[in-house]
Amino acid sequence: MLINTENGLVLSDTKVIFEKAGVQEEKIIGSEGKEWWLALESKHENITILSFGTPVYEQVVLDRLEEVKTLDIDLGLAEIYVMEGKEIKGMLEFKVAEQENIISDLTQLLVDKGVIY
């Protein structure tokens, strides 16, 4: 799960393992935090929290996170791409536009410094 922080997008560092109606499940905790899960458990007899832990992400997920960290993209769409690998319509256009902006900024800097004319 992606979380938007002051320092940009990060992957959640907490998961919950719980039993619901006799079935064990595992969910990554987002911005709701552990307190929300504890409150949920106290409100529902059929939910029992077994433990909290740290999720382990595959390298491909970490790589996709690096790709979207600097893009101006909807959090939900970024999460779908990072967690599931589903290409987001327009993702390539965002990447190309970002690269073009960097090239344009560098070119202008070189012109301003008199390196190129």
N, C-alpha and C. Protein backbone atom coordinates (compact mmCIF):
# COMPACT_ATOMS: atom_id res chain seq x y z
N MET A 1 0.84 -1.16 0.00
CA MET A 1 0.00 0.00 0.00
C MET A 1 0.89 1.23 0.00
N LEU A 2 0.55 2.18 -0.85
CA LEU A 2 1.29 3.44 -0.91
C LEU A 2 0.70 4.44 0.07
N ILE A 3 1.57 5.21 0.66
CA ILE A 3 1.16 6.28 1.56
C ILE A 3 1.86 7.54 1.09
N ASN A 4 1.09 8.61 0.98
CA ASN A 4 1.64 9.90 0.56
C ASN A 4 2.07 10.65 1.81
N THR A 5 3.38 10.88 1.95
CA THR A 5 3.93 11.57 3.11
C THR A 5 4.50 12.91 2.68
N GLU A 6 4.97 13.68 3.66
CA GLU A 6 5.62 14.95 3.36
C GLU A 6 6.84 14.74 2.48
N ASN A 7 7.46 13.58 2.58
CA ASN A 7 8.67 13.26 1.82
C ASN A 7 8.36 12.50 0.54
N GLY A 8 7.10 12.43 0.14
CA GLY A 8 6.73 11.73 -1.09
C GLY A 8 6.10 10.38 -0.81
N LEU A 9 5.95 9.60 -1.86
CA LEU A 9 5.30 8.29 -1.76
C LEU A 9 6.22 7.27 -1.10
N VAL A 10 5.65 6.50 -0.18
CA VAL A 10 6.37 5.40 0.47
C VAL A 10 5.45 4.20 0.56
N LEU A 11 6.05 3.03 0.69
CA LEU A 11 5.29 1.81 0.93
C LEU A 11 5.04 1.67 2.42
N SER A 12 3.87 1.18 2.77
CA SER A 12 3.54 0.96 4.17
C SER A 12 4.55 -0.01 4.79
N ASP A 13 4.88 0.25 6.05
CA ASP A 13 5.85 -0.61 6.73
C ASP A 13 5.19 -1.50 7.79
N THR A 14 3.84 -1.60 7.75
CA THR A 14 3.14 -2.40 8.74
C THR A 14 2.04 -3.23 8.09
N LYS A 15 1.90 -4.45 8.57
CA LYS A 15 0.80 -5.30 8.13
C LYS A 15 0.11 -5.87 9.36
N VAL A 16 -1.12 -6.31 9.16
CA VAL A 16 -1.88 -6.93 10.23
C VAL A 16 -2.27 -8.34 9.79
N ILE A 17 -2.13 -9.27 10.69
CA ILE A 17 -2.60 -10.64 10.45
C ILE A 17 -3.75 -10.85 11.42
N PHE A 18 -4.91 -11.21 10.88
CA PHE A 18 -6.09 -11.34 11.70
C PHE A 18 -6.92 -12.52 11.25
N GLU A 19 -7.83 -12.90 12.12
CA GLU A 19 -8.76 -13.98 11.82
C GLU A 19 -10.15 -13.37 11.76
N LYS A 20 -10.85 -13.64 10.67
CA LYS A 20 -12.21 -13.13 10.50
C LYS A 20 -13.11 -14.32 10.19
N ALA A 21 -14.06 -14.54 11.08
CA ALA A 21 -14.99 -15.66 10.92
C ALA A 21 -14.24 -16.98 10.70
N GLY A 22 -13.13 -17.16 11.44
CA GLY A 22 -12.39 -18.40 11.36
C GLY A 22 -11.39 -18.51 10.23
N VAL A 23 -11.30 -17.47 9.39
CA VAL A 23 -10.38 -17.49 8.26
C VAL A 23 -9.26 -16.48 8.52
N GLN A 24 -8.02 -16.94 8.40
CA GLN A 24 -6.88 -16.06 8.62
C GLN A 24 -6.64 -15.21 7.37
N GLU A 25 -6.44 -13.91 7.59
CA GLU A 25 -6.17 -12.97 6.51
C GLU A 25 -5.00 -12.08 6.88
N GLU A 26 -4.41 -11.49 5.86
CA GLU A 26 -3.30 -10.56 6.06
C GLU A 26 -3.55 -9.34 5.20
N LYS A 27 -3.42 -8.16 5.78
CA LYS A 27 -3.62 -6.90 5.05
C LYS A 27 -2.49 -5.95 5.39
N ILE A 28 -2.08 -5.20 4.40
CA ILE A 28 -1.10 -4.14 4.64
C ILE A 28 -1.86 -2.94 5.19
N ILE A 29 -1.34 -2.36 6.23
CA ILE A 29 -1.99 -1.23 6.88
C ILE A 29 -1.57 0.05 6.18
N GLY A 30 -2.55 0.86 5.86
CA GLY A 30 -2.29 2.15 5.22
C GLY A 30 -2.27 3.27 6.25
N SER A 31 -2.76 4.40 5.83
CA SER A 31 -2.74 5.57 6.71
C SER A 31 -3.71 5.45 7.88
N GLU A 32 -4.59 4.43 7.86
CA GLU A 32 -5.53 4.26 8.98
C GLU A 32 -4.81 3.87 10.27
N GLY A 33 -3.68 3.20 10.16
CA GLY A 33 -2.88 2.86 11.32
C GLY A 33 -3.39 1.68 12.12
N LYS A 34 -2.56 1.25 13.07
CA LYS A 34 -2.89 0.11 13.93
C LYS A 34 -4.12 0.38 14.79
N GLU A 35 -4.27 1.62 15.25
CA GLU A 35 -5.38 1.96 16.14
C GLU A 35 -6.72 1.63 15.50
N TRP A 36 -6.84 1.90 14.20
CA TRP A 36 -8.09 1.62 13.49
C TRP A 36 -8.39 0.12 13.54
N TRP A 37 -7.36 -0.69 13.33
CA TRP A 37 -7.55 -2.14 13.35
C TRP A 37 -7.91 -2.62 14.75
N LEU A 38 -7.30 -2.06 15.77
CA LEU A 38 -7.63 -2.44 17.14
C LEU A 38 -9.07 -2.06 17.47
N ALA A 39 -9.50 -0.88 17.00
CA ALA A 39 -10.89 -0.46 17.21
C ALA A 39 -11.85 -1.37 16.46
N LEU A 40 -11.47 -1.79 15.26
CA LEU A 40 -12.31 -2.71 14.48
C LEU A 40 -12.49 -4.03 15.22
N GLU A 41 -11.38 -4.53 15.76
CA GLU A 41 -11.44 -5.78 16.51
C GLU A 41 -12.39 -5.66 17.71
N SER A 42 -12.33 -4.53 18.40
CA SER A 42 -13.17 -4.37 19.59
C SER A 42 -14.65 -4.24 19.25
N LYS A 43 -14.97 -3.85 18.03
CA LYS A 43 -16.36 -3.67 17.61
C LYS A 43 -16.98 -4.93 17.01
N HIS A 44 -16.15 -5.89 16.61
CA HIS A 44 -16.66 -7.06 15.91
C HIS A 44 -16.17 -8.34 16.58
N GLU A 45 -17.10 -9.15 17.01
CA GLU A 45 -16.76 -10.41 17.69
C GLU A 45 -16.06 -11.41 16.77
N ASN A 46 -16.33 -11.30 15.47
CA ASN A 46 -15.77 -12.30 14.54
C ASN A 46 -14.39 -11.93 14.01
N ILE A 47 -13.79 -10.84 14.53
CA ILE A 47 -12.45 -10.42 14.10
C ILE A 47 -11.50 -10.48 15.29
N THR A 48 -10.39 -11.21 15.08
CA THR A 48 -9.36 -11.31 16.11
C THR A 48 -8.02 -10.99 15.48
N ILE A 49 -7.34 -9.98 16.00
CA ILE A 49 -6.01 -9.64 15.50
C ILE A 49 -5.01 -10.63 16.10
N LEU A 50 -4.27 -11.28 15.22
CA LEU A 50 -3.27 -12.26 15.66
C LEU A 50 -1.91 -11.60 15.88
N SER A 51 -1.55 -10.67 14.96
CA SER A 51 -0.26 -9.99 15.10
C SER A 51 -0.15 -8.84 14.12
N PHE A 52 0.82 -7.98 14.40
CA PHE A 52 1.23 -6.94 13.47
C PHE A 52 2.64 -7.29 13.04
N GLY A 53 3.00 -6.92 11.83
CA GLY A 53 4.34 -7.23 11.35
C GLY A 53 4.79 -6.26 10.27
N THR A 54 5.87 -6.61 9.64
CA THR A 54 6.45 -5.80 8.58
C THR A 54 6.29 -6.54 7.26
N PRO A 55 5.65 -5.89 6.28
CA PRO A 55 5.50 -6.57 4.98
C PRO A 55 6.85 -6.65 4.26
N VAL A 56 6.98 -7.67 3.43
CA VAL A 56 8.18 -7.83 2.60
C VAL A 56 7.73 -7.60 1.16
N TYR A 57 8.35 -6.65 0.51
CA TYR A 57 8.01 -6.32 -0.87
C TYR A 57 9.03 -6.91 -1.83
N GLU A 58 8.55 -7.41 -2.95
CA GLU A 58 9.44 -7.91 -3.99
C GLU A 58 10.19 -6.74 -4.62
N GLN A 59 11.35 -7.01 -5.17
CA GLN A 59 12.17 -5.97 -5.78
C GLN A 59 11.43 -5.25 -6.90
N VAL A 60 10.61 -5.96 -7.64
CA VAL A 60 9.88 -5.34 -8.74
C VAL A 60 8.93 -4.26 -8.23
N VAL A 61 8.35 -4.47 -7.05
CA VAL A 61 7.47 -3.47 -6.43
C VAL A 61 8.29 -2.24 -6.04
N LEU A 62 9.46 -2.47 -5.45
CA LEU A 62 10.34 -1.37 -5.07
C LEU A 62 10.80 -0.58 -6.29
N ASP A 63 11.07 -1.29 -7.38
CA ASP A 63 11.49 -0.63 -8.62
C ASP A 63 10.37 0.23 -9.20
N ARG A 64 9.15 -0.31 -9.19
CA ARG A 64 8.02 0.47 -9.71
C ARG A 64 7.75 1.70 -8.85
N LEU A 65 7.95 1.58 -7.53
CA LEU A 65 7.79 2.74 -6.65
C LEU A 65 8.77 3.83 -7.07
N GLU A 66 10.01 3.47 -7.33
CA GLU A 66 11.01 4.46 -7.75
C GLU A 66 10.58 5.17 -9.03
N GLU A 67 9.92 4.44 -9.93
CA GLU A 67 9.47 5.03 -11.19
C GLU A 67 8.41 6.11 -10.98
N VAL A 68 7.52 5.92 -10.01
CA VAL A 68 6.40 6.85 -9.86
C VAL A 68 6.62 7.92 -8.80
N LYS A 69 7.67 7.80 -8.01
CA LYS A 69 7.90 8.75 -6.92
C LYS A 69 7.87 10.20 -7.39
N THR A 70 8.41 10.46 -8.55
CA THR A 70 8.53 11.85 -9.00
C THR A 70 7.46 12.27 -10.00
N LEU A 71 6.55 11.36 -10.32
CA LEU A 71 5.51 11.69 -11.28
C LEU A 71 4.34 12.39 -10.60
N ASP A 72 3.73 13.30 -11.32
CA ASP A 72 2.52 13.96 -10.85
C ASP A 72 1.35 13.09 -11.26
N ILE A 73 1.00 12.13 -10.40
CA ILE A 73 0.02 11.12 -10.76
C ILE A 73 -0.88 10.84 -9.54
N ASP A 74 -2.11 10.49 -9.81
CA ASP A 74 -3.07 10.16 -8.77
C ASP A 74 -2.54 9.03 -7.89
N LEU A 75 -2.71 9.16 -6.59
CA LEU A 75 -2.20 8.16 -5.64
C LEU A 75 -2.80 6.79 -5.91
N GLY A 76 -4.09 6.73 -6.18
CA GLY A 76 -4.74 5.45 -6.44
C GLY A 76 -4.18 4.77 -7.68
N LEU A 77 -3.95 5.54 -8.74
CA LEU A 77 -3.38 4.98 -9.96
C LEU A 77 -1.94 4.53 -9.74
N ALA A 78 -1.20 5.33 -8.99
CA ALA A 78 0.18 4.96 -8.69
C ALA A 78 0.22 3.66 -7.89
N GLU A 79 -0.71 3.51 -6.95
CA GLU A 79 -0.74 2.30 -6.14
C GLU A 79 -1.05 1.06 -6.98
N ILE A 80 -1.97 1.19 -7.91
CA ILE A 80 -2.29 0.07 -8.80
C ILE A 80 -1.05 -0.34 -9.59
N TYR A 81 -0.33 0.63 -10.09
CA TYR A 81 0.87 0.33 -10.87
C TYR A 81 1.95 -0.29 -9.98
N VAL A 82 2.22 0.33 -8.83
CA VAL A 82 3.30 -0.15 -7.96
C VAL A 82 3.00 -1.54 -7.41
N MET A 83 1.81 -1.73 -6.89
CA MET A 83 1.49 -2.99 -6.20
C MET A 83 1.14 -4.13 -7.15
N GLU A 84 0.48 -3.81 -8.26
CA GLU A 84 -0.01 -4.86 -9.15
C GLU A 84 0.71 -4.93 -10.49
N GLY A 85 1.46 -3.89 -10.82
CA GLY A 85 2.18 -3.87 -12.07
C GLY A 85 1.32 -3.56 -13.28
N LYS A 86 0.08 -3.16 -13.04
CA LYS A 86 -0.81 -2.83 -14.16
C LYS A 86 -0.43 -1.47 -14.71
N GLU A 87 -0.12 -1.44 -15.99
CA GLU A 87 0.23 -0.16 -16.62
C GLU A 87 -0.96 0.77 -16.56
N ILE A 88 -0.71 1.97 -16.21
CA ILE A 88 -1.74 2.98 -16.13
C ILE A 88 -1.79 3.69 -17.48
N LYS A 89 -2.99 3.82 -18.00
CA LYS A 89 -3.14 4.53 -19.27
C LYS A 89 -2.52 5.90 -19.11
N GLY A 90 -1.61 6.22 -19.97
CA GLY A 90 -0.94 7.51 -19.91
C GLY A 90 0.34 7.51 -19.10
N MET A 91 0.69 6.40 -18.46
CA MET A 91 1.91 6.36 -17.65
C MET A 91 3.12 6.73 -18.48
N LEU A 92 3.20 6.18 -19.68
CA LEU A 92 4.34 6.50 -20.53
C LEU A 92 4.37 7.97 -20.91
N GLU A 93 3.18 8.54 -21.12
CA GLU A 93 3.13 9.96 -21.45
C GLU A 93 3.66 10.80 -20.29
N PHE A 94 3.34 10.40 -19.04
CA PHE A 94 3.87 11.11 -17.88
C PHE A 94 5.39 11.03 -17.86
N LYS A 95 5.92 9.83 -18.11
CA LYS A 95 7.37 9.64 -18.08
C LYS A 95 8.05 10.48 -19.16
N VAL A 96 7.49 10.46 -20.37
CA VAL A 96 8.07 11.23 -21.48
C VAL A 96 8.01 12.72 -21.17
N ALA A 97 6.86 13.19 -20.68
CA ALA A 97 6.71 14.61 -20.36
C ALA A 97 7.72 15.03 -19.28
N GLU A 98 7.92 14.18 -18.30
CA GLU A 98 8.87 14.48 -17.25
C GLU A 98 10.29 14.59 -17.82
N GLN A 99 10.66 13.65 -18.68
CA GLN A 99 11.99 13.68 -19.30
C GLN A 99 12.15 14.91 -20.17
N GLU A 100 11.10 15.27 -20.91
CA GLU A 100 11.17 16.46 -21.76
C GLU A 100 11.34 17.72 -20.91
N ASN A 101 10.67 17.77 -19.76
CA ASN A 101 10.82 18.92 -18.86
C ASN A 101 12.24 19.02 -18.33
N ILE A 102 12.83 17.90 -17.99
CA ILE A 102 14.21 17.90 -17.50
C ILE A 102 15.16 18.38 -18.59
N ILE A 103 14.99 17.86 -19.80
CA ILE A 103 15.84 18.27 -20.92
C ILE A 103 15.68 19.76 -21.19
N SER A 104 14.44 20.23 -21.17
CA SER A 104 14.18 21.64 -21.41
C SER A 104 14.83 22.51 -20.34
N ASP A 105 14.71 22.10 -19.08
CA ASP A 105 15.31 22.86 -17.99
C ASP A 105 16.84 22.88 -18.10
N LEU A 106 17.44 21.74 -18.43
CA LEU A 106 18.89 21.68 -18.59
C LEU A 106 19.36 22.53 -19.76
N THR A 107 18.62 22.46 -20.85
CA THR A 107 18.97 23.26 -22.03
C THR A 107 18.92 24.75 -21.69
N GLN A 108 17.86 25.17 -21.00
CA GLN A 108 17.75 26.58 -20.63
C GLN A 108 18.88 27.00 -19.70
N LEU A 109 19.25 26.13 -18.78
CA LEU A 109 20.36 26.42 -17.87
C LEU A 109 21.66 26.61 -18.65
N LEU A 110 21.90 25.73 -19.63
CA LEU A 110 23.12 25.84 -20.43
C LEU A 110 23.11 27.11 -21.28
N VAL A 111 21.96 27.49 -21.79
CA VAL A 111 21.83 28.75 -22.55
C VAL A 111 22.10 29.92 -21.63
N ASP A 112 21.47 29.91 -20.45
CA ASP A 112 21.66 31.00 -19.48
C ASP A 112 23.12 31.16 -19.07
N LYS A 113 23.84 30.06 -18.99
CA LYS A 113 25.25 30.09 -18.57
C LYS A 113 26.19 30.38 -19.76
N GLY A 114 25.62 30.46 -20.96
CA GLY A 114 26.42 30.73 -22.15
C GLY A 114 27.19 29.54 -22.66
N VAL A 115 26.86 28.37 -22.21
CA VAL A 115 27.55 27.16 -22.66
C VAL A 115 27.10 26.79 -24.06
N ILE A 116 25.82 26.96 -24.34
CA ILE A 116 25.29 26.73 -25.69
C ILE A 116 24.51 27.97 -26.12
N TYR A 117 24.37 28.11 -27.43
CA TYR A 117 23.66 29.29 -27.96
C TYR A 117 22.43 28.89 -28.71
